[in-house]
């Protein structure tokens, strides 16, 4: 076996100091020491030519970091969360970090256990789109006191770096669109694991109908579980109403896909007899027939932005809490059209 290539070898080949090589290799130091683009390219070319591989153990001892980040996702069955995983993993890979993944299954006890398991791993920080943040307040505060870098979602935990996804803005766009199509009997499937989830969309739904002068019939709102089967059953109940809704809005695309299936079972034509829409824009929304109108909340972008916040926190532990926004976008496809009563 040949002699291991060192940073000194790379420095000699590139004509720079060993410290400069270290700054280029360890991305987390960028922002503290500026490295000119031309110098950086020379170092990267020398690394490629010599086949240099950083020694992870030595780097960990010098920096106090281990090169891994933890991510806890609530639901392995919802493709939206796998978009977040892809985004986090892509940025982690770009920065030569490993991803440690845990899944809570939307259960409060499992979420607590998953957080405990991640906290016991040798990782540099945590990305936490939590379902039950209030239940974990003490654990999160303990991790914060220990110096752990943490990124949360939704601004549910004050004083933490967080990703903000203003679903209420997307719901305003969606409701304005459905109302412009002359829909007045618009039903809402609130299929979530915890009641507070999706409450922003439900509030906008109620408010938009009230502002239009349409009384909100409580039977048009179905509270149910978060699976496709739950959405299918809820939509079936809505379609049995008389008069039935002319549009169904799901709290997410999973609920909306359940409504599409329920409509097909009852022989209804979408969108001629019934319009259906959701939130998130998961990949399968473009493959079903008809394609689904939705509000895009880009999970992959959410993951990348969360990873960016975490890496920045590792660089600048004392900086004020940071927020990053991922904005919604209405995507109109085939599943919505004018009210049949228009």
Protein backbone atom coordinates (compact mmCIF):
# COMPACT_ATOMS: atom_id res chain seq x y z
CA UNK A 1 0.00 0.00 0.00
CA UNK A 2 1.41 3.42 -0.99
CA UNK A 3 2.07 6.32 1.35
CA UNK A 4 -1.10 8.14 2.40
CA UNK A 5 -1.52 11.52 0.71
CA UNK A 6 -1.60 14.31 3.30
CA UNK A 7 -2.73 17.93 3.33
CA UNK A 8 0.95 18.90 3.21
CA UNK A 9 1.25 17.03 -0.10
CA UNK A 10 -1.77 18.86 -1.48
CA UNK A 11 -0.38 22.19 -0.26
CA UNK A 12 2.96 21.62 -1.99
CA UNK A 13 1.28 20.64 -5.25
CA UNK A 14 -1.08 23.67 -5.16
CA UNK A 15 1.59 26.11 -3.97
CA UNK A 16 -0.37 27.18 -0.88
CA UNK A 17 -0.14 26.75 2.87
CA UNK A 18 -1.50 23.67 4.61
CA UNK A 19 -3.95 25.95 6.45
CA UNK A 20 -5.40 27.10 3.12
CA UNK A 21 -5.92 23.47 2.12
CA UNK A 22 -7.72 22.88 5.41
CA UNK A 23 -9.98 25.91 4.86
CA UNK A 24 -10.97 24.64 1.42
CA UNK A 25 -11.63 21.08 2.58
CA UNK A 26 -13.59 22.01 5.72
CA UNK A 27 -16.59 23.85 4.31
CA UNK A 28 -17.84 24.71 7.77
CA UNK A 29 -14.96 27.24 8.07
CA UNK A 30 -16.11 29.27 5.08
CA UNK A 31 -17.32 32.65 6.20
CA UNK A 32 -14.52 32.91 8.80
CA UNK A 33 -11.65 32.77 6.29
CA UNK A 34 -12.07 33.91 2.69
CA UNK A 35 -10.32 31.79 0.07
CA UNK A 36 -9.95 33.30 -3.40
CA UNK A 37 -11.77 31.40 -6.13
CA UNK A 38 -8.56 30.84 -8.14
CA UNK A 39 -6.73 29.52 -5.07
CA UNK A 40 -9.64 27.27 -4.23
CA UNK A 41 -9.62 25.81 -7.75
CA UNK A 42 -5.87 25.10 -7.51
CA UNK A 43 -6.40 23.26 -4.22
CA UNK A 44 -9.32 21.24 -5.60
CA UNK A 45 -7.28 20.34 -8.70
CA UNK A 46 -4.40 19.15 -6.50
CA UNK A 47 -6.80 17.08 -4.38
CA UNK A 48 -8.17 15.44 -7.53
CA UNK A 49 -4.73 14.83 -9.03
CA UNK A 50 -3.24 13.31 -5.87
CA UNK A 51 -6.39 11.41 -4.86
CA UNK A 52 -6.40 12.96 -1.39
CA UNK A 53 -9.03 11.61 1.05
CA UNK A 54 -9.64 13.54 4.30
CA UNK A 55 -9.08 11.47 7.42
CA UNK A 56 -12.47 11.66 9.11
CA UNK A 57 -11.23 10.70 12.57
CA UNK A 58 -8.46 13.30 12.63
CA UNK A 59 -10.75 15.99 11.26
CA UNK A 60 -13.32 15.21 13.97
CA UNK A 61 -10.74 15.54 16.75
CA UNK A 62 -9.51 18.90 15.42
CA UNK A 63 -12.92 20.45 14.82
CA UNK A 64 -15.05 18.88 17.53
CA UNK A 65 -17.46 17.82 14.77
CA UNK A 66 -18.10 14.27 13.63
CA UNK A 67 -19.44 14.93 10.13
CA UNK A 68 -23.00 13.60 10.59
CA UNK A 69 -26.39 15.28 10.97
CA UNK A 70 -29.65 13.80 12.23
CA UNK A 71 -33.09 14.12 10.64
CA UNK A 72 -36.38 13.00 12.17
CA UNK A 73 -39.35 12.71 9.81
CA UNK A 74 -42.92 12.05 10.97
CA UNK A 75 -44.29 9.74 8.28
CA UNK A 76 -42.62 7.29 5.92
CA UNK A 77 -45.87 6.92 3.96
CA UNK A 78 -46.13 10.57 2.89
CA UNK A 79 -43.90 11.40 -0.11
CA UNK A 80 -43.73 15.04 1.01
CA UNK A 81 -41.42 14.04 3.84
CA UNK A 82 -39.18 12.06 1.50
CA UNK A 83 -38.74 15.30 -0.44
CA UNK A 84 -37.37 16.82 2.77
CA UNK A 85 -35.04 13.83 3.16
CA UNK A 86 -33.75 14.27 -0.41
CA UNK A 87 -33.08 17.95 0.17
CA UNK A 88 -31.21 17.41 3.44
CA UNK A 89 -29.23 14.50 2.03
CA UNK A 90 -28.21 16.41 -1.09
CA UNK A 91 -26.75 19.31 0.88
CA UNK A 92 -25.20 16.98 3.44
CA UNK A 93 -23.47 15.11 0.61
CA UNK A 94 -22.21 18.36 -0.90
CA UNK A 95 -20.60 19.18 2.45
CA UNK A 96 -19.18 15.67 3.00
CA UNK A 97 -21.55 14.85 5.83
CA UNK A 98 -23.52 11.71 6.54
CA UNK A 99 -27.25 11.67 7.27
CA UNK A 100 -28.70 9.75 10.21
CA UNK A 101 -32.45 9.25 9.72
CA UNK A 102 -35.20 8.42 12.21
CA UNK A 103 -38.97 8.04 11.62
CA UNK A 104 -41.62 8.65 14.26
CA UNK A 105 -44.64 7.12 12.50
CA UNK A 106 -46.77 10.08 13.66
CA UNK A 107 -46.92 8.61 17.17
CA UNK A 108 -46.04 10.81 20.18
CA UNK A 109 -44.20 8.08 22.08
CA UNK A 110 -42.23 7.02 19.00
CA UNK A 111 -41.35 10.65 18.28
CA UNK A 112 -39.91 10.98 21.78
CA UNK A 113 -38.02 7.70 21.37
CA UNK A 114 -36.70 8.73 17.95
CA UNK A 115 -35.45 12.05 19.31
CA UNK A 116 -33.74 10.24 22.18
CA UNK A 117 -32.13 7.80 19.78
CA UNK A 118 -30.82 10.59 17.55
CA UNK A 119 -29.54 12.57 20.54
CA UNK A 120 -27.50 9.56 21.62
CA UNK A 121 -25.83 9.28 18.23
CA UNK A 122 -22.54 10.99 17.45
CA UNK A 123 -23.98 13.77 15.30
CA UNK A 124 -23.32 17.49 14.88
CA UNK A 125 -26.92 18.71 14.85
CA UNK A 126 -30.60 17.86 14.37
CA UNK A 127 -33.26 18.76 11.80
CA UNK A 128 -36.70 18.21 13.33
CA UNK A 129 -40.03 18.56 11.49
CA UNK A 130 -41.91 17.53 14.63
CA UNK A 131 -45.54 16.47 15.02
CA UNK A 132 -45.74 16.99 18.80
CA UNK A 133 -43.23 19.75 19.62
CA UNK A 134 -44.90 20.78 22.87
CA UNK A 135 -44.48 17.26 24.28
CA UNK A 136 -40.75 17.46 23.61
CA UNK A 137 -40.12 20.97 24.96
CA UNK A 138 -38.02 19.76 27.92
CA UNK A 139 -35.90 17.42 25.80
CA UNK A 140 -35.29 20.14 23.20
CA UNK A 141 -34.30 22.65 25.87
CA UNK A 142 -31.88 20.12 27.37
CA UNK A 143 -30.30 19.54 23.96
CA UNK A 144 -30.05 23.30 23.45
CA UNK A 145 -28.31 23.73 26.81
CA UNK A 146 -25.86 21.03 25.79
CA UNK A 147 -24.96 23.10 22.75
CA UNK A 148 -26.72 20.97 20.13
CA UNK A 149 -27.53 22.70 16.85
CA UNK A 150 -31.26 22.29 16.12
CA UNK A 151 -33.46 23.34 13.19
CA UNK A 152 -37.24 23.05 13.56
CA UNK A 153 -40.16 23.60 11.20
CA UNK A 154 -43.14 25.93 11.36
CA UNK A 155 -41.86 28.32 14.02
CA UNK A 156 -43.45 26.12 16.71
CA UNK A 157 -40.48 26.47 19.07
CA UNK A 158 -39.47 30.09 19.71
CA UNK A 159 -35.80 30.94 19.73
CA UNK A 160 -34.73 28.14 17.38
CA UNK A 161 -33.57 28.19 13.79
CA UNK A 162 -36.67 27.31 11.81
CA UNK A 163 -38.15 26.73 8.37
CA UNK A 164 -41.36 28.70 7.83
CA UNK A 165 -43.87 27.37 5.28
CA UNK A 166 -46.84 29.78 5.19
CA UNK A 167 -49.52 27.31 4.18
CA UNK A 168 -52.15 29.94 4.96
CA UNK A 169 -50.98 31.99 1.97
CA UNK A 170 -51.31 28.95 -0.26
CA UNK A 171 -54.76 28.21 1.13
CA UNK A 172 -55.83 31.78 0.38
CA UNK A 173 -54.73 31.27 -3.23
CA UNK A 174 -56.57 27.97 -3.44
CA UNK A 175 -59.81 29.21 -1.91
CA UNK A 176 -59.82 32.34 -4.09
CA UNK A 177 -59.35 30.09 -7.11
CA UNK A 178 -62.17 27.69 -6.16
CA UNK A 179 -64.51 30.57 -5.33
CA UNK A 180 -63.70 32.18 -8.69
CA UNK A 181 -64.99 28.97 -10.30
CA UNK A 182 -68.33 29.61 -8.55
CA UNK A 183 -67.90 26.79 -6.02
CA UNK A 184 -69.81 27.52 -2.82
CA UNK A 185 -70.27 24.03 -1.36
CA UNK A 186 -66.59 23.40 -0.72
CA UNK A 187 -65.78 20.56 1.71
CA UNK A 188 -62.56 20.16 3.68
CA UNK A 189 -60.86 16.91 4.74
CA UNK A 190 -58.72 17.60 7.81
CA UNK A 191 -56.79 14.34 7.90
CA UNK A 192 -53.91 14.84 10.34
CA UNK A 193 -52.15 13.02 13.17
CA UNK A 194 -52.41 15.95 15.61
CA UNK A 195 -55.27 18.50 15.60
CA UNK A 196 -53.00 21.55 15.36
CA UNK A 197 -51.50 20.27 12.10
CA UNK A 198 -53.29 21.86 9.17
CA UNK A 199 -55.15 24.25 11.46
CA UNK A 200 -53.74 27.16 9.45
CA UNK A 201 -55.42 25.86 6.28
CA UNK A 202 -58.67 25.08 8.08
CA UNK A 203 -58.84 28.62 9.50
CA UNK A 204 -58.33 30.17 6.08
CA UNK A 205 -60.95 27.85 4.58
CA UNK A 206 -63.50 28.95 7.17
CA UNK A 207 -62.58 32.60 6.83
CA UNK A 208 -62.80 32.69 3.04
CA UNK A 209 -66.24 31.07 3.00
CA UNK A 210 -67.49 33.42 5.70
CA UNK A 211 -66.14 36.47 3.81
CA UNK A 212 -68.04 35.33 0.73
CA UNK A 213 -71.24 35.09 2.72
CA UNK A 214 -71.37 31.31 2.54
CA UNK A 215 -72.36 29.71 5.86
CA UNK A 216 -69.86 27.02 6.86
CA UNK A 217 -71.77 23.76 7.27
CA UNK A 218 -69.91 21.64 9.84
CA UNK A 219 -70.83 18.47 7.98
CA UNK A 220 -68.61 19.72 5.14
CA UNK A 221 -65.57 19.41 7.42
CA UNK A 222 -64.35 15.90 8.14
CA UNK A 223 -61.69 15.33 10.82
CA UNK A 224 -59.98 12.00 10.30
CA UNK A 225 -56.67 10.14 10.35
CA UNK A 226 -53.78 10.83 8.02
CA UNK A 227 -53.70 7.78 5.73
CA UNK A 228 -54.96 7.45 2.17
CA UNK A 229 -57.66 5.09 3.43
CA UNK A 230 -58.79 7.74 5.94
CA UNK A 231 -59.10 10.26 3.14
CA UNK A 232 -60.98 7.80 0.97
CA UNK A 233 -63.50 7.06 3.74
CA UNK A 234 -63.91 10.76 4.61
CA UNK A 235 -64.54 11.72 0.99
CA UNK A 236 -67.10 8.94 0.67
CA UNK A 237 -69.03 10.41 3.59
CA UNK A 238 -68.94 13.85 2.01
CA UNK A 239 -70.17 12.56 -1.32
CA UNK A 240 -73.13 10.89 0.41
CA UNK A 241 -74.38 14.29 1.61
CA UNK A 242 -77.38 15.86 -0.08
CA UNK A 243 -76.77 18.26 -1.57
CA UNK A 244 -73.24 17.05 -1.97
CA UNK A 245 -70.20 19.35 -2.21
CA UNK A 246 -69.14 20.62 -5.62
CA UNK A 247 -65.50 20.72 -4.50
CA UNK A 248 -63.36 18.86 -1.94
CA UNK A 249 -60.16 20.36 -0.57
CA UNK A 250 -57.78 18.00 1.22
CA UNK A 251 -55.43 19.24 3.94
CA UNK A 252 -52.72 17.55 1.88
CA UNK A 253 -52.39 15.61 -1.37
CA UNK A 254 -52.88 12.25 0.36
CA UNK A 255 -56.40 13.31 1.40
CA UNK A 256 -57.09 14.72 -2.07
CA UNK A 257 -56.00 11.48 -3.75
CA UNK A 258 -58.40 9.63 -1.47
CA UNK A 259 -61.16 11.98 -2.66
CA UNK A 260 -60.31 11.26 -6.31
CA UNK A 261 -60.67 7.55 -5.62
CA UNK A 262 -63.97 8.05 -3.76
CA UNK A 263 -65.35 10.07 -6.67
CA UNK A 264 -64.40 7.33 -9.13
CA UNK A 265 -66.16 4.72 -6.96
CA UNK A 266 -69.36 6.73 -7.11
CA UNK A 267 -69.12 7.24 -10.86
CA UNK A 268 -68.54 10.98 -10.60
CA UNK A 269 -66.54 12.78 -13.27
CA UNK A 270 -63.73 15.00 -12.05
CA UNK A 271 -63.85 17.95 -12.60
CA UNK A 272 -67.24 18.00 -14.38
CA UNK A 273 -69.24 16.76 -11.36
CA UNK A 274 -66.72 17.44 -8.61
CA UNK A 275 -63.49 19.44 -8.24
CA UNK A 276 -60.70 18.07 -6.02
CA UNK A 277 -57.54 19.80 -4.76
CA UNK A 278 -54.83 19.36 -2.14
CA UNK A 279 -51.55 20.69 -0.75
CA UNK A 280 -47.84 19.80 -1.09
CA UNK A 281 -47.54 18.75 -4.78
CA UNK A 282 -46.13 15.30 -4.10
CA UNK A 283 -44.75 13.53 -7.22
CA UNK A 284 -47.74 11.25 -7.87
CA UNK A 285 -50.08 14.24 -8.35
CA UNK A 286 -48.86 14.49 -11.95
CA UNK A 287 -49.37 10.77 -12.66
CA UNK A 288 -52.96 10.25 -11.53
CA UNK A 289 -55.92 10.81 -13.85
CA UNK A 290 -56.98 13.55 -13.74
CA UNK A 291 -53.80 15.28 -12.60
CA UNK A 292 -54.28 17.01 -9.27
CA UNK A 293 -54.60 20.73 -8.64
CA UNK A 294 -52.56 21.53 -5.53
CA UNK A 295 -50.53 24.10 -3.64
CA UNK A 296 -46.84 23.36 -4.08
CA UNK A 297 -44.78 23.39 -0.91
CA UNK A 298 -41.44 22.12 -2.16
CA UNK A 299 -40.27 19.47 0.31
CA UNK A 300 -36.84 19.18 -1.29
CA UNK A 301 -36.29 22.92 -0.97
CA UNK A 302 -37.44 22.74 2.65
CA UNK A 303 -34.82 20.07 3.31
CA UNK A 304 -32.01 22.01 1.63
CA UNK A 305 -32.87 25.21 3.45
CA UNK A 306 -33.02 23.36 6.78
CA UNK A 307 -29.58 21.85 6.13
CA UNK A 308 -28.24 25.30 5.21
CA UNK A 309 -29.51 26.72 8.51
CA UNK A 310 -27.94 23.84 10.43
CA UNK A 311 -24.54 24.20 8.73
CA UNK A 312 -24.61 27.95 9.33
CA UNK A 313 -25.36 27.33 13.00
CA UNK A 314 -22.37 24.98 13.20
CA UNK A 315 -20.21 27.75 11.68
CA UNK A 316 -21.61 30.53 13.86
CA UNK A 317 -22.95 29.04 17.11
CA UNK A 318 -23.58 32.46 18.66
CA UNK A 319 -25.56 34.02 15.81
CA UNK A 320 -29.20 35.04 16.46
CA UNK A 321 -31.97 32.54 15.60
CA UNK A 322 -32.44 32.31 11.84
CA UNK A 323 -35.60 31.80 9.76
CA UNK A 324 -35.88 30.61 6.16
CA UNK A 325 -39.11 30.81 4.19
CA UNK A 326 -40.33 28.31 1.59
CA UNK A 327 -43.26 29.98 -0.13
CA UNK A 328 -46.37 28.23 -1.54
CA UNK A 329 -47.42 28.27 -5.18
CA UNK A 330 -50.83 27.37 -6.62
CA UNK A 331 -50.53 24.69 -9.32
CA UNK A 332 -53.67 24.35 -11.45
CA UNK A 333 -54.14 21.01 -13.18
CA UNK A 334 -57.01 18.87 -14.47
CA UNK A 335 -58.89 18.02 -11.26
CA UNK A 336 -60.59 21.41 -10.86
CA UNK A 337 -63.09 23.22 -13.03
CA UNK A 338 -66.20 25.38 -12.83
CA UNK A 339 -68.92 24.41 -10.39
CA UNK A 340 -71.52 22.19 -12.07
CA UNK A 341 -74.07 24.68 -10.75
CA UNK A 342 -72.38 27.74 -12.26
